[in-house]
Structures are given as C-alpha cells and as structure tokens.
PDB file of N, CA and C in Angstrom:
ATOM      1  N   MET A   1       0.912  -1.262  -0.032  1.00  0.00           N
ATOM      2  CA  MET A   1       0.056  -0.040  -0.060  1.00  0.00           C
ATOM      3  C   MET A   1       0.883   1.251   0.025  1.00  0.00           C
ATOM      4  N   PRO A   2       0.860   2.161  -0.962  1.00  0.00           N
ATOM      5  CA  PRO A   2       1.677   3.243  -0.969  1.00  0.00           C
ATOM      6  C   PRO A   2       1.397   4.296   0.148  1.00  0.00           C
ATOM      7  N   ASN A   3       2.298   5.068   0.499  1.00  0.00           N
ATOM      8  CA  ASN A   3       2.204   5.993   1.396  1.00  0.00           C
ATOM      9  C   ASN A   3       1.732   7.332   0.702  1.00  0.00           C
ATOM     10  N   ASN A   4       0.583   7.688   0.993  1.00  0.00           N
ATOM     11  CA  ASN A   4       0.132   8.869   0.266  1.00  0.00           C
ATOM     12  C   ASN A   4      -0.002  10.086   1.249  1.00  0.00           C
ATOM     13  N   LYS A   5       0.772   9.886   2.509  1.00  0.00           N
ATOM     14  CA  LYS A   5       0.685  10.933   3.512  1.00  0.00           C
ATOM     15  C   LYS A   5       1.579  12.053   2.858  1.00  0.00           C
ATOM     16  N   MET A   6       0.993  13.341   2.964  1.00  0.00           N
ATOM     17  CA  MET A   6       1.787  14.512   2.501  1.00  0.00           C
ATOM     18  C   MET A   6       2.885  14.895   3.557  1.00  0.00           C
ATOM     19  N   THR A   7       3.986  15.285   3.197  1.00  0.00           N
ATOM     20  CA  THR A   7       5.167  15.617   4.238  1.00  0.00           C
ATOM     21  C   THR A   7       5.756  16.944   3.594  1.00  0.00           C
ATOM     22  N   TYR A   8       6.308  17.534   4.461  1.00  0.00           N
ATOM     23  CA  TYR A   8       7.090  18.781   4.281  1.00  0.00           C
ATOM     24  C   TYR A   8       8.439  18.476   3.789  1.00  0.00           C
ATOM     25  N   PRO A   9       8.754  19.222   2.751  1.00  0.00           N
ATOM     26  CA  PRO A   9      10.135  18.872   2.129  1.00  0.00           C
ATOM     27  C   PRO A   9      11.207  19.226   3.032  1.00  0.00           C
ATOM     28  N   GLY A  10      11.023  20.225   3.948  1.00  0.00           N
ATOM     29  CA  GLY A  10      12.212  20.756   4.764  1.00  0.00           C
ATOM     30  C   GLY A  10      12.498  22.047   4.402  1.00  0.00           C
ATOM     31  N   PHE A  11      12.831  22.962   5.401  1.00  0.00           N
ATOM     32  CA  PHE A  11      13.131  24.349   5.094  1.00  0.00           C
ATOM     33  C   PHE A  11      14.114  24.415   3.973  1.00  0.00           C
ATOM     34  N   HIS A  12      15.359  23.563   4.008  1.00  0.00           N
ATOM     35  CA  HIS A  12      16.252  23.738   2.925  1.00  0.00           C
ATOM     36  C   HIS A  12      15.846  23.268   1.677  1.00  0.00           C
ATOM     37  N   GLN A  13      14.893  22.408   1.438  1.00  0.00           N
ATOM     38  CA  GLN A  13      14.260  22.096   0.174  1.00  0.00           C
ATOM     39  C   GLN A  13      13.017  22.775  -0.277  1.00  0.00           C
ATOM     40  N   ASP A  14      12.580  23.664   0.706  1.00  0.00           N
ATOM     41  CA  ASP A  14      11.345  24.371   0.355  1.00  0.00           C
ATOM     42  C   ASP A  14      11.589  25.222  -0.832  1.00  0.00           C
ATOM     43  N   SER A  15      10.479  25.379  -1.684  1.00  0.00           N
ATOM     44  CA  SER A  15      10.594  26.012  -2.940  1.00  0.00           C
ATOM     45  C   SER A  15      11.457  27.261  -2.945  1.00  0.00           C
ATOM     46  N   HIS A  16      11.196  28.157  -1.978  1.00  0.00           N
ATOM     47  CA  HIS A  16      12.050  29.424  -1.799  1.00  0.00           C
ATOM     48  C   HIS A  16      12.337  29.757  -0.419  1.00  0.00           C
ATOM     49  N   GLY A  17      11.548  29.021   0.520  1.00  0.00           N
ATOM     50  CA  GLY A  17      11.978  29.361   1.893  1.00  0.00           C
ATOM     51  C   GLY A  17      11.052  30.453   2.629  1.00  0.00           C
ATOM     52  N   MET A  18      10.192  30.986   1.983  1.00  0.00           N
ATOM     53  CA  MET A  18       9.313  31.868   2.617  1.00  0.00           C
ATOM     54  C   MET A  18       7.801  31.618   2.638  1.00  0.00           C
ATOM     55  N   THR A  19       7.552  30.226   2.682  1.00  0.00           N
ATOM     56  CA  THR A  19       6.219  29.701   2.560  1.00  0.00           C
ATOM     57  C   THR A  19       5.723  29.765   4.031  1.00  0.00           C
ATOM     58  N   VAL A  20       4.467  29.460   4.337  1.00  0.00           N
ATOM     59  CA  VAL A  20       3.825  29.496   5.700  1.00  0.00           C
ATOM     60  C   VAL A  20       4.661  28.493   6.415  1.00  0.00           C
ATOM     61  N   LEU A  21       4.935  27.279   5.944  1.00  0.00           N
ATOM     62  CA  LEU A  21       5.608  26.252   6.686  1.00  0.00           C
ATOM     63  C   LEU A  21       7.145  26.391   6.883  1.00  0.00           C
ATOM     64  N   SER A  22       7.670  27.238   6.032  1.00  0.00           N
ATOM     65  CA  SER A  22       9.168  27.644   6.299  1.00  0.00           C
ATOM     66  C   SER A  22       9.094  28.683   7.309  1.00  0.00           C
ATOM     67  N   ARG A  23       8.284  29.439   7.467  1.00  0.00           N
ATOM     68  CA  ARG A  23       8.203  30.575   8.395  1.00  0.00           C
ATOM     69  C   ARG A  23       8.097  29.917   9.709  1.00  0.00           C
ATOM     70  N   VAL A  24       7.168  28.874   9.864  1.00  0.00           N
ATOM     71  CA  VAL A  24       7.014  28.062  11.118  1.00  0.00           C
ATOM     72  C   VAL A  24       8.252  27.435  11.614  1.00  0.00           C
ATOM     73  N   VAL A  25       9.119  27.035  10.653  1.00  0.00           N
ATOM     74  CA  VAL A  25      10.495  26.456  10.922  1.00  0.00           C
ATOM     75  C   VAL A  25      11.346  27.694  11.514  1.00  0.00           C
ATOM     76  N   LEU A  26      11.349  28.678  10.730  1.00  0.00           N
ATOM     77  CA  LEU A  26      12.224  29.787  11.178  1.00  0.00           C
ATOM     78  C   LEU A  26      11.911  30.258  12.648  1.00  0.00           C
ATOM     79  N   ASP A  27      10.597  30.369  13.005  1.00  0.00           N
ATOM     80  CA  ASP A  27      10.015  30.799  14.321  1.00  0.00           C
ATOM     81  C   ASP A  27      10.260  29.654  15.323  1.00  0.00           C
ATOM     82  N   ALA A  28      10.228  28.469  14.916  1.00  0.00           N
ATOM     83  CA  ALA A  28      10.601  27.259  15.860  1.00  0.00           C
ATOM     84  C   ALA A  28      12.043  27.447  16.246  1.00  0.00           C
ATOM     85  N   TRP A  29      12.913  27.750  15.247  1.00  0.00           N
ATOM     86  CA  TRP A  29      14.248  28.002  15.603  1.00  0.00           C
ATOM     87  C   TRP A  29      14.626  29.057  16.459  1.00  0.00           C
ATOM     88  N   LEU A  30      13.750  30.267  16.241  1.00  0.00           N
ATOM     89  CA  LEU A  30      13.973  31.517  16.940  1.00  0.00           C
ATOM     90  C   LEU A  30      13.583  31.220  18.418  1.00  0.00           C
ATOM     91  N   PHE A  31      12.493  30.406  18.626  1.00  0.00           N
ATOM     92  CA  PHE A  31      11.975  30.217  20.102  1.00  0.00           C
ATOM     93  C   PHE A  31      12.696  29.072  20.764  1.00  0.00           C
ATOM     94  N   GLY A  32      13.535  28.369  19.929  1.00  0.00           N
ATOM     95  CA  GLY A  32      14.403  27.298  20.648  1.00  0.00           C
ATOM     96  C   GLY A  32      13.410  26.012  20.740  1.00  0.00           C
ATOM     97  N   LEU A  33      12.301  25.792  19.928  1.00  0.00           N
ATOM     98  CA  LEU A  33      11.412  24.728  19.924  1.00  0.00           C
ATOM     99  C   LEU A  33      12.055  23.680  19.231  1.00  0.00           C
ATOM    100  N   ILE A  34      12.952  23.736  18.316  1.00  0.00           N
ATOM    101  CA  ILE A  34      13.723  22.706  17.593  1.00  0.00           C
ATOM    102  C   ILE A  34      15.059  23.196  17.354  1.00  0.00           C
ATOM    103  N   PRO A  35      15.952  22.296  17.225  1.00  0.00           N
ATOM    104  CA  PRO A  35      17.383  22.814  17.012  1.00  0.00           C
ATOM    105  C   PRO A  35      17.475  23.257  15.563  1.00  0.00           C
ATOM    106  N   GLU A  36      18.480  24.070  15.319  1.00  0.00           N
ATOM    107  CA  GLU A  36      18.672  24.643  13.890  1.00  0.00           C
ATOM    108  C   GLU A  36      19.212  23.771  12.989  1.00  0.00           C
ATOM    109  N   THR A  37      19.503  22.531  13.505  1.00  0.00           N
ATOM    110  CA  THR A  37      20.037  21.415  12.726  1.00  0.00           C
ATOM    111  C   THR A  37      18.775  20.587  12.032  1.00  0.00           C
ATOM    112  N   GLU A  38      17.584  20.844  12.705  1.00  0.00           N
ATOM    113  CA  GLU A  38      16.261  20.194  12.318  1.00  0.00           C
ATOM    114  C   GLU A  38      15.586  21.225  11.452  1.00  0.00           C
ATOM    115  N   ASP A  39      15.375  20.760  10.179  1.00  0.00           N
ATOM    116  CA  ASP A  39      14.561  21.642   9.272  1.00  0.00           C
ATOM    117  C   ASP A  39      13.279  21.048   8.899  1.00  0.00           C
ATOM    118  N   CYS A  40      12.927  19.953   9.595  1.00  0.00           N
ATOM    119  CA  CYS A  40      11.502  19.411   9.387  1.00  0.00           C
ATOM    120  C   CYS A  40      11.345  18.615   8.249  1.00  0.00           C
ATOM    121  N   ALA A  41      12.423  18.209   7.458  1.00  0.00           N
ATOM    122  CA  ALA A  41      12.137  17.460   6.253  1.00  0.00           C
ATOM    123  C   ALA A  41      11.567  16.123   6.621  1.00  0.00           C
ATOM    124  N   GLY A  42      10.572  15.793   5.825  1.00  0.00           N
ATOM    125  CA  GLY A  42       9.777  14.632   5.974  1.00  0.00           C
ATOM    126  C   GLY A  42       8.837  14.663   7.044  1.00  0.00           C
ATOM    127  N   TRP A  43       8.660  15.735   7.733  1.00  0.00           N
ATOM    128  CA  TRP A  43       7.515  15.845   8.758  1.00  0.00           C
ATOM    129  C   TRP A  43       6.251  15.848   8.109  1.00  0.00           C
ATOM    130  N   ASP A  44       5.165  14.979   8.620  1.00  0.00           N
ATOM    131  CA  ASP A  44       3.850  15.011   8.118  1.00  0.00           C
ATOM    132  C   ASP A  44       3.135  16.346   8.566  1.00  0.00           C
ATOM    133  N   LEU A  45       2.026  16.536   7.764  1.00  0.00           N
ATOM    134  CA  LEU A  45       1.364  17.808   7.999  1.00  0.00           C
ATOM    135  C   LEU A  45       0.893  17.877   9.499  1.00  0.00           C
ATOM    136  N   GLN A  46       0.496  16.813  10.220  1.00  0.00           N
ATOM    137  CA  GLN A  46      -0.069  17.004  11.493  1.00  0.00           C
ATOM    138  C   GLN A  46       1.077  17.173  12.453  1.00  0.00           C
ATOM    139  N   ARG A  47       2.251  16.913  12.109  1.00  0.00           N
ATOM    140  CA  ARG A  47       3.516  17.144  12.968  1.00  0.00           C
ATOM    141  C   ARG A  47       3.776  18.669  12.781  1.00  0.00           C
ATOM    142  N   MET A  48       3.721  19.144  11.634  1.00  0.00           N
ATOM    143  CA  MET A  48       3.982  20.493  11.330  1.00  0.00           C
ATOM    144  C   MET A  48       2.885  21.404  11.877  1.00  0.00           C
ATOM    145  N   GLN A  49       1.753  20.874  11.862  1.00  0.00           N
ATOM    146  CA  GLN A  49       0.529  21.667  12.584  1.00  0.00           C
ATOM    147  C   GLN A  49       0.831  21.791  13.994  1.00  0.00           C
ATOM    148  N   ASN A  50       1.265  20.716  14.669  1.00  0.00           N
ATOM    149  CA  ASN A  50       1.582  20.812  16.042  1.00  0.00           C
ATOM    150  C   ASN A  50       2.569  21.802  16.304  1.00  0.00           C
ATOM    151  N   LEU A  51       3.746  21.786  15.621  1.00  0.00           N
ATOM    152  CA  LEU A  51       4.904  22.709  15.721  1.00  0.00           C
ATOM    153  C   LEU A  51       4.206  24.229  15.431  1.00  0.00           C
ATOM    154  N   MET A  52       3.404  24.288  14.521  1.00  0.00           N
ATOM    155  CA  MET A  52       2.697  25.562  14.313  1.00  0.00           C
ATOM    156  C   MET A  52       1.908  26.090  15.548  1.00  0.00           C
ATOM    157  N   GLY A  53       1.334  25.218  16.244  1.00  0.00           N
ATOM    158  CA  GLY A  53       0.566  25.628  17.406  1.00  0.00           C
ATOM    159  C   GLY A  53       1.522  26.042  18.612  1.00  0.00           C
ATOM    160  N   GLU A  54       2.646  25.303  18.705  1.00  0.00           N
ATOM    161  CA  GLU A  54       3.751  25.718  19.692  1.00  0.00           C
ATOM    162  C   GLU A  54       4.239  27.035  19.190  1.00  0.00           C
ATOM    163  N   VAL A  55       4.507  27.395  18.000  1.00  0.00           N
ATOM    164  CA  VAL A  55       5.068  28.668  17.711  1.00  0.00           C
ATOM    165  C   VAL A  55       4.082  29.767  17.962  1.00  0.00           C
ATOM    166  N   GLU A  56       2.722  29.418  17.638  1.00  0.00           N
ATOM    167  CA  GLU A  56       1.711  30.456  17.971  1.00  0.00           C
ATOM    168  C   GLU A  56       1.639  30.804  19.424  1.00  0.00           C
ATOM    169  N   ARG A  57       1.683  29.829  20.187  1.00  0.00           N
ATOM    170  CA  ARG A  57       1.749  30.046  21.801  1.00  0.00           C
ATOM    171  C   ARG A  57       2.918  30.881  22.122  1.00  0.00           C
ATOM    172  N   GLU A  58       4.063  30.804  21.554  1.00  0.00           N
ATOM    173  CA  GLU A  58       5.243  31.574  21.838  1.00  0.00           C
ATOM    174  C   GLU A  58       4.923  32.956  21.388  1.00  0.00           C
ATOM    175  N   TRP A  59       4.577  33.223  20.147  1.00  0.00           N
ATOM    176  CA  TRP A  59       4.158  34.483  19.624  1.00  0.00           C
ATOM    177  C   TRP A  59       3.218  35.247  20.346  1.00  0.00           C
ATOM    178  N   ASP A  60       2.163  34.490  20.950  1.00  0.00           N
ATOM    179  CA  ASP A  60       1.132  35.113  21.697  1.00  0.00           C
ATOM    180  C   ASP A  60       1.711  35.812  22.948  1.00  0.00           C
ATOM    181  N   LYS A  61       2.801  35.397  23.462  1.00  0.00           N
ATOM    182  CA  LYS A  61       3.501  35.934  24.675  1.00  0.00           C
ATOM    183  C   LYS A  61       3.933  37.327  24.191  1.00  0.00           C
ATOM    184  N   TYR A  62       4.182  37.673  23.031  1.00  0.00           N
ATOM    185  CA  TYR A  62       4.810  38.969  22.568  1.00  0.00           C
ATOM    186  C   TYR A  62       3.928  39.736  21.620  1.00  0.00           C
ATOM    187  N   GLY A  63       2.493  39.354  21.685  1.00  0.00           N
ATOM    188  CA  GLY A  63       1.591  40.041  20.913  1.00  0.00           C
ATOM    189  C   GLY A  63       1.721  39.921  19.451  1.00  0.00           C
ATOM    190  N   ASN A  64       2.411  38.900  19.010  1.00  0.00           N
ATOM    191  CA  ASN A  64       2.740  38.477  17.611  1.00  0.00           C
ATOM    192  C   ASN A  64       3.527  39.506  16.838  1.00  0.00           C
ATOM    193  N   LEU A  65       4.295  40.322  17.671  1.00  0.00           N
ATOM    194  CA  LEU A  65       4.965  41.466  17.082  1.00  0.00           C
ATOM    195  C   LEU A  65       6.549  41.274  17.448  1.00  0.00           C
ATOM    196  N   PRO A  66       7.357  41.157  16.386  1.00  0.00           N
ATOM    197  CA  PRO A  66       8.708  41.079  16.547  1.00  0.00           C
ATOM    198  C   PRO A  66       9.162  42.311  17.511  1.00  0.00           C
ATOM    199  N   SER A  67       8.667  43.479  17.373  1.00  0.00           N
ATOM    200  CA  SER A  67       9.178  44.694  18.212  1.00  0.00           C
ATOM    201  C   SER A  67       8.907  44.365  19.622  1.00  0.00           C
ATOM    202  N   PHE A  68       8.074  43.614  20.087  1.00  0.00           N
ATOM    203  CA  PHE A  68       7.819  43.168  21.454  1.00  0.00           C
ATOM    204  C   PHE A  68       8.615  42.107  21.835  1.00  0.00           C
ATOM    205  N   LEU A  69       9.527  41.517  21.171  1.00  0.00           N
ATOM    206  CA  LEU A  69      10.457  40.342  21.634  1.00  0.00           C
ATOM    207  C   LEU A  69      11.543  41.076  22.423  1.00  0.00           C
ATOM    208  N   PRO A  70      12.019  40.299  23.383  1.00  0.00           N
ATOM    209  CA  PRO A  70      13.193  40.913  24.204  1.00  0.00           C
ATOM    210  C   PRO A  70      14.220  41.049  23.253  1.00  0.00           C
ATOM    211  N   PRO A  71      15.360  42.020  23.574  1.00  0.00           N
ATOM    212  CA  PRO A  71      16.275  42.255  22.462  1.00  0.00           C
ATOM    213  C   PRO A  71      17.054  41.238  21.961  1.00  0.00           C
ATOM    214  N   GLU A  72      17.447  40.180  22.820  1.00  0.00           N
ATOM    215  CA  GLU A  72      18.141  39.004  21.981  1.00  0.00           C
ATOM    216  C   GLU A  72      17.399  38.205  21.225  1.00  0.00           C
ATOM    217  N   LEU A  73      16.155  38.167  21.380  1.00  0.00           N
ATOM    218  CA  LEU A  73      15.170  37.498  20.412  1.00  0.00           C
ATOM    219  C   LEU A  73      14.869  38.359  19.205  1.00  0.00           C
ATOM    220  N   ARG A  74      14.775  39.529  19.425  1.00  0.00           N
ATOM    221  CA  ARG A  74      14.541  40.499  18.302  1.00  0.00           C
ATOM    222  C   ARG A  74      15.793  40.489  17.333  1.00  0.00           C
ATOM    223  N   GLN A  75      16.867  40.429  17.982  1.00  0.00           N
ATOM    224  CA  GLN A  75      18.109  40.431  17.092  1.00  0.00           C
ATOM    225  C   GLN A  75      18.242  39.207  16.143  1.00  0.00           C
ATOM    226  N   ARG A  76      17.784  38.108  17.010  1.00  0.00           N
ATOM    227  CA  ARG A  76      17.817  36.703  16.353  1.00  0.00           C
ATOM    228  C   ARG A  76      16.889  36.602  15.308  1.00  0.00           C
ATOM    229  N   HIS A  77      15.673  37.185  15.535  1.00  0.00           N
ATOM    230  CA  HIS A  77      14.523  37.120  14.525  1.00  0.00           C
ATOM    231  C   HIS A  77      15.112  37.945  13.306  1.00  0.00           C
ATOM    232  N   ALA A  78      15.700  39.019  13.439  1.00  0.00           N
ATOM    233  CA  ALA A  78      16.155  39.844  12.315  1.00  0.00           C
ATOM    234  C   ALA A  78      17.235  39.084  11.500  1.00  0.00           C
ATOM    235  N   GLU A  79      18.141  38.420  12.330  1.00  0.00           N
ATOM    236  CA  GLU A  79      19.250  37.532  11.547  1.00  0.00           C
ATOM    237  C   GLU A  79      18.435  36.433  10.833  1.00  0.00           C
ATOM    238  N   LEU A  80      17.556  35.678  11.368  1.00  0.00           N
ATOM    239  CA  LEU A  80      16.851  34.483  10.738  1.00  0.00           C
ATOM    240  C   LEU A  80      16.243  34.977   9.484  1.00  0.00           C
ATOM    241  N   TYR A  81      15.441  36.139   9.612  1.00  0.00           N
ATOM    242  CA  TYR A  81      14.607  36.443   8.492  1.00  0.00           C
ATOM    243  C   TYR A  81      15.338  37.228   7.421  1.00  0.00           C
ATOM    244  N   ASP A  82      16.416  37.855   7.758  1.00  0.00           N
ATOM    245  CA  ASP A  82      17.429  38.437   6.781  1.00  0.00           C
ATOM    246  C   ASP A  82      17.934  37.371   5.966  1.00  0.00           C
ATOM    247  N   MET A  83      18.468  36.251   6.671  1.00  0.00           N
ATOM    248  CA  MET A  83      19.039  35.151   5.851  1.00  0.00           C
ATOM    249  C   MET A  83      18.052  34.496   5.110  1.00  0.00           C
ATOM    250  N   ALA A  84      16.726  34.286   5.488  1.00  0.00           N
ATOM    251  CA  ALA A  84      15.791  33.635   4.804  1.00  0.00           C
ATOM    252  C   ALA A  84      15.165  34.429   3.595  1.00  0.00           C
ATOM    253  N   THR A  85      15.209  35.765   3.777  1.00  0.00           N
ATOM    254  CA  THR A  85      14.729  36.658   2.642  1.00  0.00           C
ATOM    255  C   THR A  85      15.757  36.737   1.604  1.00  0.00           C
ATOM    256  N   GLU A  86      16.909  36.820   1.980  1.00  0.00           N
ATOM    257  CA  GLU A  86      18.042  36.804   0.893  1.00  0.00           C
ATOM    258  C   GLU A  86      18.233  35.602   0.120  1.00  0.00           C
ATOM    259  N   ARG A  87      18.040  34.427   0.932  1.00  0.00           N
ATOM    260  CA  ARG A  87      17.794  33.167   0.261  1.00  0.00           C
ATOM    261  C   ARG A  87      16.699  33.013  -0.656  1.00  0.00           C
ATOM    262  N   ALA A  88      15.670  33.439  -0.236  1.00  0.00           N
ATOM    263  CA  ALA A  88      14.393  33.248  -0.963  1.00  0.00           C
ATOM    264  C   ALA A  88      14.495  34.155  -2.297  1.00  0.00           C
ATOM    265  N   LYS A  89      14.894  35.280  -2.207  1.00  0.00           N
ATOM    266  CA  LYS A  89      15.189  36.337  -3.398  1.00  0.00           C
ATOM    267  C   LYS A  89      16.146  35.592  -4.329  1.00  0.00           C
ATOM    268  N   SER A  90      17.209  34.952  -3.867  1.00  0.00           N
ATOM    269  CA  SER A  90      18.079  34.177  -4.806  1.00  0.00           C
ATOM    270  C   SER A  90      17.533  33.007  -5.484  1.00  0.00           C
ATOM    271  N   ARG A  91      16.394  32.529  -4.868  1.00  0.00           N
ATOM    272  CA  ARG A  91      15.787  31.520  -5.467  1.00  0.00           C
ATOM    273  C   ARG A  91      14.551  31.917  -6.428  1.00  0.00           C
ATOM    274  N   GLY A  92      14.347  33.192  -6.554  1.00  0.00           N
ATOM    275  CA  GLY A  92      13.319  33.823  -7.446  1.00  0.00           C
ATOM    276  C   GLY A  92      12.002  34.297  -6.710  1.00  0.00           C
ATOM    277  N   TRP A  93      12.199  34.326  -5.428  1.00  0.00           N
ATOM    278  CA  TRP A  93      10.958  34.798  -4.638  1.00  0.00           C
ATOM    279  C   TRP A  93      10.696  36.232  -4.877  1.00  0.00           C
ATOM    280  N   ASP A  94       9.563  36.752  -4.975  1.00  0.00           N
ATOM    281  CA  ASP A  94       9.333  38.275  -5.127  1.00  0.00           C
ATOM    282  C   ASP A  94       8.312  38.608  -3.955  1.00  0.00           C
ATOM    283  N   PRO A  95       8.906  39.443  -3.119  1.00  0.00           N
ATOM    284  CA  PRO A  95       8.036  39.634  -1.870  1.00  0.00           C
ATOM    285  C   PRO A  95       6.940  40.492  -2.143  1.00  0.00           C
ATOM    286  N   GLU A  96       6.645  41.007  -3.553  1.00  0.00           N
ATOM    287  CA  GLU A  96       5.458  41.689  -3.778  1.00  0.00           C
ATOM    288  C   GLU A  96       4.287  40.638  -4.252  1.00  0.00           C
ATOM    289  N   LEU A  97       4.550  39.379  -4.459  1.00  0.00           N
ATOM    290  CA  LEU A  97       3.692  38.467  -4.961  1.00  0.00           C
ATOM    291  C   LEU A  97       3.429  37.627  -3.824  1.00  0.00           C
ATOM    292  N   ASP A  98       1.953  37.226  -3.795  1.00  0.00           N
ATOM    293  CA  ASP A  98       1.496  36.119  -2.824  1.00  0.00           C
ATOM    294  C   ASP A  98       2.348  34.876  -3.160  1.00  0.00           C
ATOM    295  N   GLU A  99       2.452  34.017  -1.994  1.00  0.00           N
ATOM    296  CA  GLU A  99       3.326  32.891  -2.270  1.00  0.00           C
ATOM    297  C   GLU A  99       2.771  31.899  -3.300  1.00  0.00           C
ATOM    298  N   ASP A 100       1.450  32.102  -3.562  1.00  0.00           N
ATOM    299  CA  ASP A 100       0.867  31.131  -4.496  1.00  0.00           C
ATOM    300  C   ASP A 100       0.892  31.614  -5.956  1.00  0.00           C
ATOM    301  N   GLU A 101       1.370  32.851  -6.119  1.00  0.00           N
ATOM    302  CA  GLU A 101       1.581  33.339  -7.461  1.00  0.00           C
ATOM    303  C   GLU A 101       2.804  32.951  -8.271  1.00  0.00           C
TER     304      GLU A 101
END
C-alpha cells in the first residue's frame, strides 16, 4: 500500500523558503522549539501543525510582534529573517507577490 501521506520537504528544500511552513520552521528555531539542525524534512502535516501551534503560543506571549520580543530574540529574529529573505530572493521569490503566484 503506497504512502500517500503528505510531508514537508524541509526548510532547505522548500521552494524558496518563505512559505507558511518555512516561516514556522524559522520561528521554531527562533524560540528554541527545535534545534537549527532540524529543518523538518519529511515531517507529516500533522506534526507541522503541532509545531505551528507551539510557535503560535510563543508568539502570543509577545503580541505577535517582533518589536515586542526581548532584545536578544529581536536580534535573532532579524538575523533569521534576513538570511531567509536573501535566500528566497536568490531562488526567485518576489516579496510583492503572494506565495501562490
């Protein structure tokens, strides 16, 4: 019986790295929910959804705004998202377009 379960390709194999799921990985790294050596490759969507819930609970502590993060987390957020944005642009991502365009 074939495995039809959808899985996430992982941050490093994500189409450009700025999808909803890739941002979950970035934020999970930010909050220390997973080590940065884990990019969630092969995770099923249920496992990704569970991680998303953990990330949302962390963001809730800061009003979902990077500017409300403590200084060290705010700096790390900037570093992670700068890296991801540059990486995505080098893969053809246009921040002006919706990720589905």
